């Protein structure tokens, strides 16, 4: 599974705090997703980050 952060991101940081192995805050203050496939042991946390995003900015890619 892969994830991407779309232009709706408001930079709240929830995704990076829930799943830092997949999401991080970029230099612009907005979130960005790691490139490539998410490791199986990180899938549950990545899904939690996606469902918890207050603006729905995280999508499966």
PDB file of N, CA and C in Angstrom:
ATOM      1  N   UNK A   1       0.848  -1.171   0.000  1.00  0.00           N
ATOM      2  CA  UNK A   1       0.000   0.000   0.000  1.00  0.00           C
ATOM      3  C   UNK A   1       0.898   1.240   0.000  1.00  0.00           C
ATOM      4  N   UNK A   2       0.467   2.253  -0.722  1.00  0.00           N
ATOM      5  CA  UNK A   2       1.161   3.538  -0.760  1.00  0.00           C
ATOM      6  C   UNK A   2       0.176   4.630  -0.372  1.00  0.00           C
ATOM      7  N   UNK A   3       0.710   5.725   0.121  1.00  0.00           N
ATOM      8  CA  UNK A   3      -0.124   6.856   0.511  1.00  0.00           C
ATOM      9  C   UNK A   3       0.433   8.130  -0.092  1.00  0.00           C
ATOM     10  N   UNK A   4      -0.458   9.107  -0.259  1.00  0.00           N
ATOM     11  CA  UNK A   4      -0.015  10.433  -0.674  1.00  0.00           C
ATOM     12  C   UNK A   4      -0.821  11.461   0.095  1.00  0.00           C
ATOM     13  N   UNK A   5      -0.245  12.637   0.237  1.00  0.00           N
ATOM     14  CA  UNK A   5      -0.909  13.744   0.913  1.00  0.00           C
ATOM     15  C   UNK A   5      -1.299  14.742  -0.167  1.00  0.00           C
ATOM     16  N   UNK A   6      -2.583  15.067  -0.250  1.00  0.00           N
ATOM     17  CA  UNK A   6      -3.039  15.977  -1.305  1.00  0.00           C
ATOM     18  C   UNK A   6      -2.976  17.440  -0.854  1.00  0.00           C
ATOM     19  N   UNK A   7      -3.418  18.328  -1.710  1.00  0.00           N
ATOM     20  CA  UNK A   7      -3.327  19.771  -1.475  1.00  0.00           C
ATOM     21  C   UNK A   7      -4.238  20.288  -0.366  1.00  0.00           C
ATOM     22  N   UNK A   8      -5.072  19.422   0.200  1.00  0.00           N
ATOM     23  CA  UNK A   8      -5.961  19.845   1.283  1.00  0.00           C
ATOM     24  C   UNK A   8      -5.253  19.944   2.627  1.00  0.00           C
ATOM     25  N   UNK A   9      -4.026  19.455   2.714  1.00  0.00           N
ATOM     26  CA  UNK A   9      -3.293  19.415   3.980  1.00  0.00           C
ATOM     27  C   UNK A   9      -3.201  20.806   4.599  1.00  0.00           C
ATOM     28  N   UNK A  10      -3.478  20.851   5.911  1.00  0.00           N
ATOM     29  CA  UNK A  10      -3.387  22.125   6.647  1.00  0.00           C
ATOM     30  C   UNK A  10      -2.197  22.143   7.609  1.00  0.00           C
ATOM     31  N   UNK A  11      -1.418  21.067   7.597  1.00  0.00           N
ATOM     32  CA  UNK A  11      -0.223  21.027   8.428  1.00  0.00           C
ATOM     33  C   UNK A  11      -0.466  20.822   9.905  1.00  0.00           C
ATOM     34  N   UNK A  12      -1.524  20.111  10.261  1.00  0.00           N
ATOM     35  CA  UNK A  12      -1.833  19.922  11.690  1.00  0.00           C
ATOM     36  C   UNK A  12      -0.857  18.969  12.375  1.00  0.00           C
ATOM     37  N   UNK A  13      -0.236  18.074  11.629  1.00  0.00           N
ATOM     38  CA  UNK A  13       0.750  17.164  12.185  1.00  0.00           C
ATOM     39  C   UNK A  13       0.213  15.875  12.763  1.00  0.00           C
ATOM     40  N   UNK A  14      -1.085  15.654  12.698  1.00  0.00           N
ATOM     41  CA  UNK A  14      -1.663  14.440  13.267  1.00  0.00           C
ATOM     42  C   UNK A  14      -1.075  13.191  12.633  1.00  0.00           C
ATOM     43  N   UNK A  15      -0.969  13.166  11.321  1.00  0.00           N
ATOM     44  CA  UNK A  15      -0.473  11.967  10.641  1.00  0.00           C
ATOM     45  C   UNK A  15       0.957  11.645  11.055  1.00  0.00           C
ATOM     46  N   UNK A  16       1.788  12.656  11.156  1.00  0.00           N
ATOM     47  CA  UNK A  16       3.186  12.446  11.537  1.00  0.00           C
ATOM     48  C   UNK A  16       3.304  11.971  12.979  1.00  0.00           C
ATOM     49  N   UNK A  17       2.374  12.379  13.831  1.00  0.00           N
ATOM     50  CA  UNK A  17       2.428  11.917  15.220  1.00  0.00           C
ATOM     51  C   UNK A  17       1.879  10.501  15.363  1.00  0.00           C
ATOM     52  N   UNK A  18       0.904  10.135  14.536  1.00  0.00           N
ATOM     53  CA  UNK A  18       0.307   8.803  14.597  1.00  0.00           C
ATOM     54  C   UNK A  18       1.189   7.762  13.909  1.00  0.00           C
ATOM     55  N   UNK A  19       1.797   8.145  12.785  1.00  0.00           N
ATOM     56  CA  UNK A  19       2.584   7.187  12.003  1.00  0.00           C
ATOM     57  C   UNK A  19       3.840   7.853  11.433  1.00  0.00           C
ATOM     58  N   UNK A  20       4.813   8.139  12.283  1.00  0.00           N
ATOM     59  CA  UNK A  20       6.020   8.826  11.821  1.00  0.00           C
ATOM     60  C   UNK A  20       6.869   8.016  10.840  1.00  0.00           C
ATOM     61  N   UNK A  21       6.649   6.706  10.766  1.00  0.00           N
ATOM     62  CA  UNK A  21       7.392   5.893   9.807  1.00  0.00           C
ATOM     63  C   UNK A  21       6.938   6.148   8.374  1.00  0.00           C
ATOM     64  N   UNK A  22       5.727   6.688   8.203  1.00  0.00           N
ATOM     65  CA  UNK A  22       5.175   6.913   6.870  1.00  0.00           C
ATOM     66  C   UNK A  22       4.992   8.398   6.566  1.00  0.00           C
ATOM     67  N   UNK A  23       4.637   9.196   7.571  1.00  0.00           N
ATOM     68  CA  UNK A  23       4.349  10.612   7.345  1.00  0.00           C
ATOM     69  C   UNK A  23       5.315  11.501   8.115  1.00  0.00           C
ATOM     70  N   UNK A  24       5.683  12.613   7.506  1.00  0.00           N
ATOM     71  CA  UNK A  24       6.531  13.598   8.167  1.00  0.00           C
ATOM     72  C   UNK A  24       6.100  14.984   7.730  1.00  0.00           C
ATOM     73  N   UNK A  25       6.486  15.957   8.527  1.00  0.00           N
ATOM     74  CA  UNK A  25       6.187  17.339   8.179  1.00  0.00           C
ATOM     75  C   UNK A  25       7.339  17.855   7.328  1.00  0.00           C
ATOM     76  N   UNK A  26       7.005  18.362   6.153  1.00  0.00           N
ATOM     77  CA  UNK A  26       8.011  18.855   5.231  1.00  0.00           C
ATOM     78  C   UNK A  26       8.453  20.267   5.569  1.00  0.00           C
ATOM     79  N   UNK A  27       9.415  20.789   4.841  1.00  0.00           N
ATOM     80  CA  UNK A  27       9.941  22.126   5.101  1.00  0.00           C
ATOM     81  C   UNK A  27       8.898  23.232   4.926  1.00  0.00           C
ATOM     82  N   UNK A  28       7.857  22.959   4.163  1.00  0.00           N
ATOM     83  CA  UNK A  28       6.799  23.955   3.957  1.00  0.00           C
ATOM     84  C   UNK A  28       5.796  23.970   5.106  1.00  0.00           C
ATOM     85  N   UNK A  29       5.958  23.030   6.066  1.00  0.00           N
ATOM     86  CA  UNK A  29       5.030  22.936   7.179  1.00  0.00           C
ATOM     87  C   UNK A  29       3.845  22.025   6.905  1.00  0.00           C
ATOM     88  N   UNK A  30       3.826  21.410   5.732  1.00  0.00           N
ATOM     89  CA  UNK A  30       2.761  20.486   5.368  1.00  0.00           C
ATOM     90  C   UNK A  30       3.288  19.066   5.413  1.00  0.00           C
ATOM     91  N   UNK A  31       2.372  18.123   5.557  1.00  0.00           N
ATOM     92  CA  UNK A  31       2.768  16.718   5.647  1.00  0.00           C
ATOM     93  C   UNK A  31       3.169  16.177   4.288  1.00  0.00           C
ATOM     94  N   UNK A  32       4.000  15.164   4.344  1.00  0.00           N
ATOM     95  CA  UNK A  32       4.351  14.423   3.141  1.00  0.00           C
ATOM     96  C   UNK A  32       4.476  12.957   3.512  1.00  0.00           C
ATOM     97  N   UNK A  33       4.155  12.107   2.554  1.00  0.00           N
ATOM     98  CA  UNK A  33       4.207  10.666   2.782  1.00  0.00           C
ATOM     99  C   UNK A  33       5.504  10.112   2.225  1.00  0.00           C
ATOM    100  N   UNK A  34       5.985   9.061   2.867  1.00  0.00           N
ATOM    101  CA  UNK A  34       7.171   8.376   2.375  1.00  0.00           C
ATOM    102  C   UNK A  34       6.863   7.770   1.014  1.00  0.00           C
ATOM    103  N   UNK A  35       7.864   7.746   0.167  1.00  0.00           N
ATOM    104  CA  UNK A  35       7.685   7.118  -1.137  1.00  0.00           C
ATOM    105  C   UNK A  35       7.824   5.615  -0.990  1.00  0.00           C
ATOM    106  N   UNK A  36       7.166   4.891  -1.846  1.00  0.00           N
ATOM    107  CA  UNK A  36       7.262   3.444  -1.824  1.00  0.00           C
ATOM    108  C   UNK A  36       6.183   2.802  -0.984  1.00  0.00           C
ATOM    109  N   UNK A  37       6.266   1.494  -0.940  1.00  0.00           N
ATOM    110  CA  UNK A  37       5.279   0.695  -0.219  1.00  0.00           C
ATOM    111  C   UNK A  37       5.458   0.835   1.296  1.00  0.00           C
ATOM    112  N   UNK A  38       4.332   0.861   1.984  1.00  0.00           N
ATOM    113  CA  UNK A  38       4.344   0.906   3.445  1.00  0.00           C
ATOM    114  C   UNK A  38       4.603  -0.511   3.957  1.00  0.00           C
ATOM    115  N   UNK A  39       5.500  -0.625   4.910  1.00  0.00           N
ATOM    116  CA  UNK A  39       5.805  -1.933   5.504  1.00  0.00           C
ATOM    117  C   UNK A  39       4.556  -2.491   6.181  1.00  0.00           C
ATOM    118  N   UNK A  40       4.362  -3.792   6.110  1.00  0.00           N
ATOM    119  CA  UNK A  40       3.164  -4.400   6.705  1.00  0.00           C
ATOM    120  C   UNK A  40       2.945  -4.018   8.162  1.00  0.00           C
ATOM    121  N   UNK A  41       4.006  -3.890   8.930  1.00  0.00           N
ATOM    122  CA  UNK A  41       3.853  -3.559  10.348  1.00  0.00           C
ATOM    123  C   UNK A  41       3.439  -2.107  10.572  1.00  0.00           C
ATOM    124  N   UNK A  42       3.480  -1.280   9.518  1.00  0.00           N
ATOM    125  CA  UNK A  42       3.072   0.126   9.621  1.00  0.00           C
ATOM    126  C   UNK A  42       1.693   0.396   9.024  1.00  0.00           C
ATOM    127  N   UNK A  43       1.085  -0.614   8.399  1.00  0.00           N
ATOM    128  CA  UNK A  43      -0.182  -0.406   7.696  1.00  0.00           C
ATOM    129  C   UNK A  43      -1.307   0.058   8.619  1.00  0.00           C
ATOM    130  N   UNK A  44      -1.432  -0.523   9.792  1.00  0.00           N
ATOM    131  CA  UNK A  44      -2.512  -0.137  10.708  1.00  0.00           C
ATOM    132  C   UNK A  44      -2.363   1.315  11.146  1.00  0.00           C
ATOM    133  N   UNK A  45      -1.154   1.732  11.472  1.00  0.00           N
ATOM    134  CA  UNK A  45      -0.931   3.115  11.887  1.00  0.00           C
ATOM    135  C   UNK A  45      -1.161   4.081  10.727  1.00  0.00           C
ATOM    136  N   UNK A  46      -0.760   3.697   9.519  1.00  0.00           N
ATOM    137  CA  UNK A  46      -0.980   4.554   8.353  1.00  0.00           C
ATOM    138  C   UNK A  46      -2.473   4.719   8.076  1.00  0.00           C
ATOM    139  N   UNK A  47      -3.234   3.642   8.219  1.00  0.00           N
ATOM    140  CA  UNK A  47      -4.693   3.709   8.045  1.00  0.00           C
ATOM    141  C   UNK A  47      -5.319   4.606   9.110  1.00  0.00           C
ATOM    142  N   UNK A  48      -4.825   4.506  10.340  1.00  0.00           N
ATOM    143  CA  UNK A  48      -5.335   5.348  11.420  1.00  0.00           C
ATOM    144  C   UNK A  48      -5.052   6.823  11.126  1.00  0.00           C
ATOM    145  N   UNK A  49      -3.867   7.104  10.619  1.00  0.00           N
ATOM    146  CA  UNK A  49      -3.516   8.482  10.260  1.00  0.00           C
ATOM    147  C   UNK A  49      -4.425   8.991   9.146  1.00  0.00           C
ATOM    148  N   UNK A  50      -4.682   8.145   8.144  1.00  0.00           N
ATOM    149  CA  UNK A  50      -5.539   8.544   7.034  1.00  0.00           C
ATOM    150  C   UNK A  50      -6.962   8.820   7.518  1.00  0.00           C
ATOM    151  N   UNK A  51      -7.500   7.931   8.331  1.00  0.00           N
ATOM    152  CA  UNK A  51      -8.885   8.111   8.784  1.00  0.00           C
ATOM    153  C   UNK A  51      -9.014   9.257   9.784  1.00  0.00           C
ATOM    154  N   UNK A  52      -7.927   9.584  10.484  1.00  0.00           N
ATOM    155  CA  UNK A  52      -7.970  10.662  11.470  1.00  0.00           C
ATOM    156  C   UNK A  52      -7.701  12.034  10.912  1.00  0.00           C
ATOM    157  N   UNK A  53      -7.246  12.117   9.671  1.00  0.00           N
ATOM    158  CA  UNK A  53      -6.934  13.427   9.088  1.00  0.00           C
ATOM    159  C   UNK A  53      -8.178  14.305   9.079  1.00  0.00           C
ATOM    160  N   UNK A  54      -8.105  15.482   9.715  1.00  0.00           N
ATOM    161  CA  UNK A  54      -9.314  16.313   9.840  1.00  0.00           C
ATOM    162  C   UNK A  54      -9.817  16.899   8.528  1.00  0.00           C
ATOM    163  N   UNK A  55      -8.989  16.915   7.493  1.00  0.00           N
ATOM    164  CA  UNK A  55      -9.419  17.478   6.218  1.00  0.00           C
ATOM    165  C   UNK A  55      -9.391  16.458   5.083  1.00  0.00           C
ATOM    166  N   UNK A  56      -9.165  15.198   5.410  1.00  0.00           N
ATOM    167  CA  UNK A  56      -9.155  14.145   4.391  1.00  0.00           C
ATOM    168  C   UNK A  56      -8.051  14.305   3.370  1.00  0.00           C
ATOM    169  N   UNK A  57      -6.890  14.781   3.798  1.00  0.00           N
ATOM    170  CA  UNK A  57      -5.804  15.057   2.867  1.00  0.00           C
ATOM    171  C   UNK A  57      -4.955  13.846   2.521  1.00  0.00           C
ATOM    172  N   UNK A  58      -5.175  12.718   3.177  1.00  0.00           N
ATOM    173  CA  UNK A  58      -4.385  11.529   2.917  1.00  0.00           C
ATOM    174  C   UNK A  58      -5.189  10.566   2.063  1.00  0.00           C
ATOM    175  N   UNK A  59      -4.553  10.105   0.994  1.00  0.00           N
ATOM    176  CA  UNK A  59      -5.204   9.180   0.059  1.00  0.00           C
ATOM    177  C   UNK A  59      -4.310   7.972  -0.151  1.00  0.00           C
ATOM    178  N   UNK A  60      -4.925   6.864  -0.491  1.00  0.00           N
ATOM    179  CA  UNK A  60      -4.135   5.713  -0.922  1.00  0.00           C
ATOM    180  C   UNK A  60      -3.713   5.979  -2.355  1.00  0.00           C
ATOM    181  N   UNK A  61      -2.466   5.684  -2.629  1.00  0.00           N
ATOM    182  CA  UNK A  61      -1.938   5.940  -3.979  1.00  0.00           C
ATOM    183  C   UNK A  61      -1.785   4.659  -4.745  1.00  0.00           C
TER     184      UNK A  61
END
